[in-house]
């Protein structure tokens, strides 16, 4: 599953954190709001890479004292340099006030626990590429893609051959150029 969850408790307040890919953020937030209508707070933070390779960040305290919930959550995402990720924490108040320092520590620890539990993948920048290959060369390209572990599932057959729609890392693109040079 793309979602990782981790519970945390301090002074009878329960914190449940969810780490999700950024594209699932809004859907996850709505689902948590519906599933936990009695939750005191649903705090979140996210970081993603926009189309200009800039990191966009945002967070909310959702009614907790300013800077005590969203900022420590965002700090945890920054601390491990996570991008294209959202972290949401549900808090049920346990009746004992934590104080601002206690809240900062609690939200930070709740975020840290879910990050430690998650199966994180390194970010690899991929560029879209469209290849039009004539039928006589298709088998050689298929063998190359399989050998290099390149996902070439998105393809369309035409009268002349195949159009592949790929998303390649810089390293994969370099290998493709070397492979194509070897065909000449």
Foldseek 3Di string as FASTA:
>chain_A
DQKFWDWDDDLQKIKIKIKHQLVCVVVVVVVCCVVCVPFPAKWKKAWAQDPVRDIDIDIDPRPDPPPQAGVLLVVLCVVVVHHSMMMIMTIHDRPDDLPSVRSNVRNNVNNNVRVVVDDDDDDFQWDKDKDFDFAVCVVVVVVVCVVVVFDFPDWDADPGGIITIGTHGPVVVVVVVVSVVVVD
